[in-house]
Amino acid sequence: MAKVKMPHPAHDKHLCYLVNVGFNNHNVSEFRSMVKNGKFMCKLCGRVAAESKNLCKPVKL
């Protein structure tokens, strides 16, 4: 398997990456806990998360 270069540190924990690799389809309960009661939105992709650490460019809602 080829190693994928991430655009920034911890990108593999961000929703934009996780959704692109199907995390939301295979880990439904964990994904749900990441987005439930969202308090932050990503300025790049518009996804919402409960914690800022799960987004690339978080802004508080």
Protein backbone atom coordinates (compact mmCIF):
# COMPACT_ATOMS: atom_id res chain seq x y z
CA MET A 1 0.00 0.00 0.00
CA ALA A 2 1.32 3.45 -0.92
CA LYS A 3 1.91 5.95 1.86
CA VAL A 4 -0.33 8.99 1.45
CA LYS A 5 1.23 12.38 2.17
CA MET A 6 -1.02 14.40 4.44
CA PRO A 7 -1.38 18.16 3.80
CA HIS A 8 -0.80 18.95 7.50
CA PRO A 9 -0.20 17.15 10.82
CA ALA A 10 -3.14 15.14 12.18
CA HIS A 11 -5.07 15.41 8.89
CA ASP A 12 -5.79 11.69 9.17
CA LYS A 13 -7.99 12.55 12.21
CA HIS A 14 -9.98 15.28 10.42
CA LEU A 15 -13.49 14.71 9.11
CA CYS A 16 -12.68 15.77 5.54
CA TYR A 17 -10.13 12.94 5.29
CA LEU A 18 -12.12 10.41 7.31
CA VAL A 19 -15.28 10.84 5.21
CA ASN A 20 -13.26 10.52 1.99
CA VAL A 21 -11.93 7.11 3.10
CA GLY A 22 -15.39 5.88 4.19
CA PHE A 23 -14.91 6.12 7.96
CA ASN A 24 -18.48 7.37 8.39
CA ASN A 25 -19.84 4.24 6.69
CA HIS A 26 -17.74 1.70 8.58
CA ASN A 27 -17.56 3.32 12.03
CA VAL A 28 -21.02 4.80 12.39
CA SER A 29 -21.14 5.12 16.19
CA GLU A 30 -17.67 6.69 16.42
CA PHE A 31 -18.46 9.07 13.56
CA ARG A 32 -21.76 9.99 15.20
CA SER A 33 -19.98 10.87 18.46
CA MET A 34 -17.57 13.12 16.53
CA VAL A 35 -20.37 15.19 14.96
CA LYS A 36 -23.11 15.03 17.62
CA ASN A 37 -23.76 18.43 19.22
CA GLY A 38 -21.37 20.10 16.79
CA LYS A 39 -19.72 23.24 18.11
CA PHE A 40 -17.19 23.87 15.31
CA MET A 41 -17.37 24.16 11.53
CA CYS A 42 -14.49 23.73 9.08
CA LYS A 43 -13.81 26.85 6.97
CA LEU A 44 -12.57 24.61 4.14
CA CYS A 45 -15.15 21.85 3.77
CA GLY A 46 -18.12 23.04 5.88
CA ARG A 47 -18.29 19.90 8.00
CA VAL A 48 -19.34 20.27 11.64
CA ALA A 49 -17.73 18.54 14.63
CA ALA A 50 -18.09 18.52 18.40
CA GLU A 51 -14.35 19.18 18.85
CA SER A 52 -12.08 21.49 16.89
CA LYS A 53 -9.35 18.81 16.68
CA ASN A 54 -11.45 16.93 14.12
CA LEU A 55 -11.41 19.74 11.55
CA CYS A 56 -8.71 21.34 9.37
CA LYS A 57 -9.71 24.99 9.83
CA PRO A 58 -12.22 25.09 12.71
CA VAL A 59 -14.32 28.11 13.60
CA LYS A 60 -16.65 28.18 16.57
CA LEU A 61 -20.37 28.09 15.75
